[in-house]
Amino acid sequence: MTERKSLVSIGLPVYNGAQYLRQTLDALLGQTYEGFELIISDNASIDETPRICREYTARDPRIQYHRNDTNLGQLANFKRVMDLARGEFFMLAADHDDWGKEYISRCVEVLDNDSSVVLCTSEAAWIGSTGELLERISTRLDTRGLDKVSRFHVTLWSLDNCYASYGLIRMSALKNRAMCIQSFAPDVLLLTELSLLGAFACIPERLFYLRRMEGWGNAYVQAERLSINTDSKLLGLRVYWGLVWRRCRVASRHFPSLREKCMAIHSVVSCMQIKYRWIISAFHSSRRMLPGDMQDATREHYRESKRSS
C-alpha cells in the first residue's frame, strides 16, 4: 500500500523579488517532500519577477503562477495565496528566505502524527545578503503538552520574533483567522489566535533561514508595507492601542466564561505594557534608525522593564 501524502500548499506572495527569487524557488522545489503545490501571487511586479516565475512554472507543474493587474497591497496578496490553497497544510513563504531540504517533510511528519499540533516549524537563524549566517534566532515556541490557557500565556510572552508564522499550519486552523487583518504586526495576531486552537511544535534542528532585508526593524517601513497611513502625529499611540484591542478581541473570542475572558484580557494588557510600549515612540524615531536598531531598542526596553518590575 502506498503511504498517503498530505497535500501541502506553499503560498509565495511576491513583489519585485527578483534578487533572491531563484534561490527561494530552488530551495522550495528541492524539498525532499514532493507532495505540494506552490502558489505564486505576483503583486504587479515591474522587475524580472514575472519572467523568472514563468520560467519556473514551465519547468515544474506543481507551480501555479498568478499575476495581479494592480498592486493589491501586502496583506491582500497574502490572503490571495491562502484563498487559492487546496492543501491540508499551508506554509507562507517569503521571496527571499531559505530552507533546509527536509524542512517540509519534518514538519509534515509532526503534524501527521500529532493531531493536537496546529503549527510546526524548526529552529531558525538570520542570514545576510550573500547567505552568510548572521545570528541564531533564540525564540523557540513549543507548547506541546500544555493546556489552552498555558499555551496562550507562553505564546503571549515569548513572541520576541514571529518567524513561526512562516511554519507549516493546519489549514483547518488557519481559515478565517487573524493573518489578514489590516493591522500592524498581523503575524503577532495570527500566532496569538493559533495558540488558542492547538499546540505549536518546534523541530530542534536549524532548517529555516530568514534573510535580513533592507528596512528590517524600521517601524515606518513595516507600516507602509501594510498600507497603514503614517502621517498622523499620534501614529505610534494609534498603532499600539490597535494592537492591544485586537489581541484582546482574539483572546476574548476563545474563552467562554467571563472570568477567563477577564484574565486573558488582563494578560494581554500587561504584556503589551511591558513588551510593546516601544511602539508608541517608535514612529517618532524609526525614520532615523538603521535596519535592526528597532529590534535592539525593543530588546533593551524589555530588559529595562524587567529590571524595574
Protein backbone atom coordinates (compact mmCIF):
# COMPACT_ATOMS: atom_id res chain seq x y z
CA MET A 1 0.00 0.00 0.00
CA THR A 2 1.32 3.45 -0.90
CA GLU A 3 1.61 5.79 2.08
CA ARG A 4 -0.81 8.72 1.89
CA LYS A 5 0.87 12.03 1.18
CA SER A 6 -0.77 15.10 2.69
CA LEU A 7 -1.01 17.93 0.17
CA VAL A 8 0.96 20.97 1.30
CA SER A 9 0.09 24.37 -0.12
CA ILE A 10 3.01 26.81 -0.21
CA GLY A 11 1.88 30.40 -0.65
CA LEU A 12 4.51 32.73 -2.12
CA PRO A 13 3.33 36.35 -2.36
CA VAL A 14 5.92 38.38 -4.25
CA TYR A 15 6.52 41.96 -5.32
CA ASN A 16 9.74 42.91 -7.14
CA GLY A 17 11.52 39.95 -5.56
CA ALA A 18 13.80 39.06 -8.46
CA GLN A 19 17.03 39.50 -6.45
CA TYR A 20 16.60 36.30 -4.41
CA LEU A 21 13.63 34.65 -6.14
CA ARG A 22 15.62 31.97 -7.98
CA GLN A 23 17.33 30.89 -4.76
CA THR A 24 13.99 30.77 -2.97
CA LEU A 25 12.30 28.74 -5.70
CA ASP A 26 15.24 26.32 -5.90
CA ALA A 27 15.09 25.78 -2.13
CA LEU A 28 11.33 25.09 -2.21
CA LEU A 29 11.37 22.88 -5.31
CA GLY A 30 14.36 20.98 -3.92
CA GLN A 31 12.49 19.82 -0.79
CA THR A 32 12.58 16.08 -0.13
CA TYR A 33 8.82 16.23 0.41
CA GLU A 34 7.34 16.47 -3.07
CA GLY A 35 3.58 16.45 -2.39
CA PHE A 36 2.97 20.17 -2.55
CA GLU A 37 1.53 22.91 -4.71
CA LEU A 38 3.42 26.20 -4.94
CA ILE A 39 1.09 29.16 -5.39
CA ILE A 40 2.82 32.37 -6.50
CA SER A 41 0.87 35.62 -6.42
CA ASP A 42 2.79 38.37 -8.19
CA ASN A 43 1.63 41.76 -6.93
CA ALA A 44 2.15 43.58 -10.27
CA SER A 45 5.96 43.42 -10.12
CA ILE A 46 7.89 45.65 -12.50
CA ASP A 47 11.28 43.89 -12.26
CA GLU A 48 12.31 40.47 -13.58
CA THR A 49 9.92 38.64 -11.26
CA PRO A 50 7.30 37.73 -13.95
CA ARG A 51 9.93 36.30 -16.29
CA ILE A 52 11.52 34.20 -13.54
CA CYS A 53 8.13 32.90 -12.39
CA ARG A 54 7.07 31.90 -15.90
CA GLU A 55 10.40 30.19 -16.47
CA TYR A 56 9.98 28.06 -13.34
CA THR A 57 6.27 27.42 -13.99
CA ALA A 58 7.13 25.93 -17.41
CA ARG A 59 9.65 23.69 -15.69
CA ASP A 60 7.59 22.34 -12.75
CA PRO A 61 3.85 21.51 -12.86
CA ARG A 62 3.49 21.97 -9.11
CA ILE A 63 3.76 25.76 -9.57
CA GLN A 64 0.71 27.95 -10.10
CA TYR A 65 1.60 31.48 -11.17
CA HIS A 66 -0.95 34.26 -10.73
CA ARG A 67 -0.25 37.89 -11.57
CA ASN A 68 -2.34 40.76 -10.21
CA ASP A 69 -3.13 43.53 -12.68
CA THR A 70 -2.55 46.12 -9.96
CA ASN A 71 -0.75 46.07 -6.63
CA LEU A 72 -3.30 44.87 -4.06
CA GLY A 73 -1.15 45.64 -1.04
CA GLN A 74 0.83 43.20 1.07
CA LEU A 75 -1.96 41.75 3.21
CA ALA A 76 -4.38 41.32 0.29
CA ASN A 77 -1.67 39.43 -1.59
CA PHE A 78 -1.10 37.18 1.44
CA LYS A 79 -4.83 36.48 1.53
CA ARG A 80 -4.85 35.68 -2.18
CA VAL A 81 -2.37 32.81 -1.86
CA MET A 82 -4.35 31.40 1.08
CA ASP A 83 -7.64 31.62 -0.80
CA LEU A 84 -6.11 29.67 -3.70
CA ALA A 85 -4.67 26.94 -1.47
CA ARG A 86 -6.18 23.43 -1.57
CA GLY A 87 -3.86 21.61 0.80
CA GLU A 88 -4.35 20.07 4.20
CA PHE A 89 -1.42 22.15 5.43
CA PHE A 90 -0.36 25.67 4.47
CA MET A 91 3.03 27.37 4.55
CA LEU A 92 3.63 31.03 3.82
CA ALA A 93 6.99 31.60 2.11
CA ALA A 94 8.84 34.89 1.71
CA ASP A 95 10.52 35.52 -1.64
CA HIS A 96 13.97 35.90 -0.04
CA ASP A 97 14.20 33.15 2.61
CA ASP A 98 15.85 29.73 2.55
CA TRP A 99 15.08 26.27 3.97
CA GLY A 100 16.90 23.03 4.59
CA LYS A 101 15.87 20.24 2.20
CA GLU A 102 13.95 18.32 4.87
CA TYR A 103 12.06 21.29 6.34
CA ILE A 104 8.63 20.42 4.92
CA SER A 105 8.95 16.64 5.35
CA ARG A 106 9.92 17.00 9.01
CA CYS A 107 7.05 19.43 9.69
CA VAL A 108 4.52 17.20 7.90
CA GLU A 109 5.68 14.23 9.95
CA VAL A 110 4.95 16.10 13.19
CA LEU A 111 1.52 17.30 12.03
CA ASP A 112 0.53 13.88 10.68
CA ASN A 113 1.50 12.14 13.92
CA ASP A 114 0.05 14.60 16.44
CA SER A 115 -3.45 15.96 15.83
CA SER A 116 -3.09 18.43 18.75
CA VAL A 117 -0.43 20.40 16.84
CA VAL A 118 -1.71 23.22 14.60
CA LEU A 119 1.67 24.70 13.64
CA CYS A 120 5.13 23.25 13.20
CA THR A 121 8.40 24.96 12.45
CA SER A 122 12.07 24.41 13.21
CA GLU A 123 14.86 26.32 14.85
CA ALA A 124 15.95 29.23 12.67
CA ALA A 125 18.66 31.79 12.02
CA TRP A 126 19.14 35.14 10.31
CA ILE A 127 21.22 35.20 7.13
CA GLY A 128 22.66 38.11 5.20
CA SER A 129 22.54 39.17 1.57
CA THR A 130 25.02 36.52 0.42
CA GLY A 131 23.59 33.78 2.64
CA GLU A 132 26.12 34.24 5.42
CA LEU A 133 24.94 33.29 8.90
CA LEU A 134 24.31 36.41 11.00
CA GLU A 135 22.82 35.10 14.22
CA ARG A 136 20.73 32.32 15.67
CA ILE A 137 17.12 33.19 16.49
CA SER A 138 16.63 32.35 20.15
CA THR A 139 12.81 32.21 20.19
CA ARG A 140 11.72 28.57 20.24
CA LEU A 141 7.98 28.04 20.60
CA ASP A 142 6.97 24.51 21.54
CA THR A 143 3.75 24.26 23.55
CA ARG A 144 3.01 20.55 23.20
CA GLY A 145 1.52 19.08 26.37
CA LEU A 146 0.17 22.41 27.66
CA ASP A 147 -3.49 23.29 28.15
CA LYS A 148 -5.09 26.18 26.25
CA VAL A 149 -4.52 28.80 28.96
CA SER A 150 -0.85 27.85 29.32
CA ARG A 151 -0.31 27.81 25.54
CA PHE A 152 -1.81 31.28 25.35
CA HIS A 153 0.41 32.72 28.09
CA VAL A 154 3.61 31.08 26.79
CA THR A 155 2.95 32.42 23.28
CA LEU A 156 1.91 35.84 24.52
CA TRP A 157 5.14 36.38 26.43
CA SER A 158 7.51 34.58 24.05
CA LEU A 159 6.91 36.43 20.79
CA ASP A 160 10.19 38.30 20.51
CA ASN A 161 10.32 37.02 16.94
CA CYS A 162 7.30 35.84 14.93
CA TYR A 163 9.06 33.62 12.39
CA ALA A 164 6.76 30.76 13.46
CA SER A 165 4.04 32.39 11.32
CA TYR A 166 6.05 31.03 8.34
CA GLY A 167 5.77 27.48 9.68
CA LEU A 168 3.56 24.69 8.40
CA ILE A 169 0.00 25.31 9.62
CA ARG A 170 -3.10 23.14 9.61
CA MET A 171 -5.44 24.71 7.07
CA SER A 172 -8.45 23.90 9.24
CA ALA A 173 -6.99 26.14 11.98
CA LEU A 174 -5.89 28.86 9.58
CA LYS A 175 -9.23 29.52 7.89
CA ASN A 176 -10.70 32.95 8.75
CA ARG A 177 -8.03 33.69 11.33
CA ALA A 178 -6.23 36.95 12.02
CA MET A 179 -3.49 36.66 9.39
CA CYS A 180 -5.00 39.22 7.03
CA ILE A 181 -6.38 41.77 9.47
CA GLN A 182 -5.34 45.25 8.34
CA SER A 183 -3.18 45.89 11.37
CA PHE A 184 0.38 46.46 12.43
CA ALA A 185 2.04 43.11 13.31
CA PRO A 186 -0.57 40.76 11.78
CA ASP A 187 1.79 37.84 12.50
CA VAL A 188 1.50 38.60 16.23
CA LEU A 189 -2.29 38.43 15.98
CA LEU A 190 -2.17 35.20 13.98
CA LEU A 191 0.11 33.40 16.43
CA THR A 192 -1.91 34.68 19.39
CA GLU A 193 -5.06 33.15 17.93
CA LEU A 194 -3.47 29.91 16.73
CA SER A 195 -2.12 29.30 20.24
CA LEU A 196 -5.72 29.06 21.41
CA LEU A 197 -6.60 26.47 18.76
CA GLY A 198 -3.82 23.96 19.35
CA ALA A 199 -0.18 23.35 20.16
CA PHE A 200 2.94 24.68 18.44
CA ALA A 201 5.80 22.31 17.69
CA CYS A 202 9.42 23.23 17.03
CA ILE A 203 11.87 20.77 15.47
CA PRO A 204 15.15 21.03 17.44
CA GLU A 205 17.26 21.45 14.33
CA ARG A 206 18.03 24.55 12.25
CA LEU A 207 16.16 24.14 8.96
CA PHE A 208 14.84 27.66 8.32
CA TYR A 209 16.85 30.75 7.36
CA LEU A 210 15.36 34.24 7.27
CA ARG A 211 17.16 36.79 5.16
CA ARG A 212 17.53 40.19 6.81
CA MET A 213 16.32 42.62 4.17
CA GLU A 214 16.61 46.38 3.84
CA GLY A 215 14.14 48.12 6.12
CA TRP A 216 14.12 45.29 8.65
CA GLY A 217 13.29 46.62 12.12
CA ASN A 218 12.07 50.00 10.85
CA ALA A 219 8.53 50.63 12.09
CA TYR A 220 7.71 53.11 9.31
CA VAL A 221 8.79 50.68 6.59
CA GLN A 222 6.64 47.92 8.07
CA ALA A 223 3.63 50.21 8.43
CA GLU A 224 3.91 51.46 4.85
CA ARG A 225 4.14 47.89 3.52
CA LEU A 226 0.89 47.16 5.35
CA SER A 227 -0.75 50.23 3.78
CA ILE A 228 -1.08 51.98 7.17
CA ASN A 229 -1.30 55.78 6.97
CA THR A 230 1.91 57.06 8.58
CA ASP A 231 1.13 60.80 8.50
CA SER A 232 -0.55 61.11 11.91
CA LYS A 233 1.48 62.58 14.78
CA LEU A 234 -0.31 60.12 17.08
CA LEU A 235 0.52 57.17 14.84
CA GLY A 236 2.51 55.27 17.47
CA LEU A 237 -0.29 55.56 20.02
CA ARG A 238 -2.94 54.51 17.48
CA VAL A 239 -0.90 51.51 16.33
CA TYR A 240 -0.19 50.46 19.92
CA TRP A 241 -3.79 50.61 21.12
CA GLY A 242 -4.99 49.00 17.90
CA LEU A 243 -2.77 46.00 18.62
CA VAL A 244 -3.92 45.89 22.26
CA TRP A 245 -7.57 45.99 21.19
CA ARG A 246 -7.22 43.32 18.51
CA ARG A 247 -5.30 40.94 20.76
CA CYS A 248 -7.94 41.39 23.47
CA ARG A 249 -10.67 40.59 20.95
CA VAL A 250 -8.83 37.47 19.77
CA ALA A 251 -8.38 36.30 23.37
CA SER A 252 -11.96 37.08 24.35
CA ARG A 253 -13.37 35.14 21.39
CA HIS A 254 -11.80 31.86 22.52
CA PHE A 255 -12.53 31.90 26.27
CA PRO A 256 -16.15 31.02 27.09
CA SER A 257 -16.53 32.26 30.68
CA LEU A 258 -16.43 35.89 31.81
CA ARG A 259 -13.71 35.05 34.34
CA GLU A 260 -11.48 33.51 31.67
CA LYS A 261 -12.08 36.43 29.33
CA CYS A 262 -11.11 38.95 32.00
CA MET A 263 -7.97 37.01 32.92
CA ALA A 264 -6.93 36.72 29.27
CA ILE A 265 -7.52 40.41 28.61
CA HIS A 266 -5.56 41.33 31.75
CA SER A 267 -2.65 39.21 30.50
CA VAL A 268 -2.75 40.89 27.08
CA VAL A 269 -2.75 44.39 28.57
CA SER A 270 0.08 43.52 30.97
CA CYS A 271 2.18 42.00 28.19
CA MET A 272 1.58 44.98 25.91
CA GLN A 273 2.62 47.42 28.64
CA ILE A 274 5.85 45.58 29.37
CA LYS A 275 6.94 44.23 25.98
CA TYR A 276 5.40 46.51 23.36
CA ARG A 277 5.34 50.01 24.84
CA TRP A 278 8.20 50.89 22.49
CA ILE A 279 5.68 51.04 19.62
CA ILE A 280 4.32 54.34 20.92
CA SER A 281 7.63 56.13 20.42
CA ALA A 282 8.93 54.01 17.53
CA PHE A 283 7.21 56.09 14.87
CA HIS A 284 8.84 59.29 16.11
CA SER A 285 12.37 57.94 15.81
CA SER A 286 12.44 54.96 13.44
CA ARG A 287 12.87 57.07 10.28
CA ARG A 288 16.37 57.83 11.56
CA MET A 289 17.16 54.29 12.66
CA LEU A 290 19.17 51.82 10.68
CA PRO A 291 17.73 48.35 9.99
CA GLY A 292 17.94 46.29 13.17
CA ASP A 293 18.09 49.25 15.53
CA MET A 294 14.38 49.00 16.34
CA GLN A 295 14.79 45.34 17.30
CA ASP A 296 17.70 46.28 19.55
CA ALA A 297 15.63 49.08 21.08
CA THR A 298 12.79 46.65 21.70
CA ARG A 299 15.05 44.18 23.47
CA GLU A 300 16.61 46.92 25.61
CA HIS A 301 13.22 48.34 26.58
CA TYR A 302 12.07 44.86 27.61
CA ARG A 303 15.22 44.24 29.68
CA GLU A 304 14.82 47.62 31.39
CA SER A 305 11.16 46.97 32.19
CA LYS A 306 12.07 43.57 33.68
CA ARG A 307 14.77 45.16 35.83
CA SER A 308 12.36 47.76 37.18
CA SER A 309 9.43 45.40 37.74
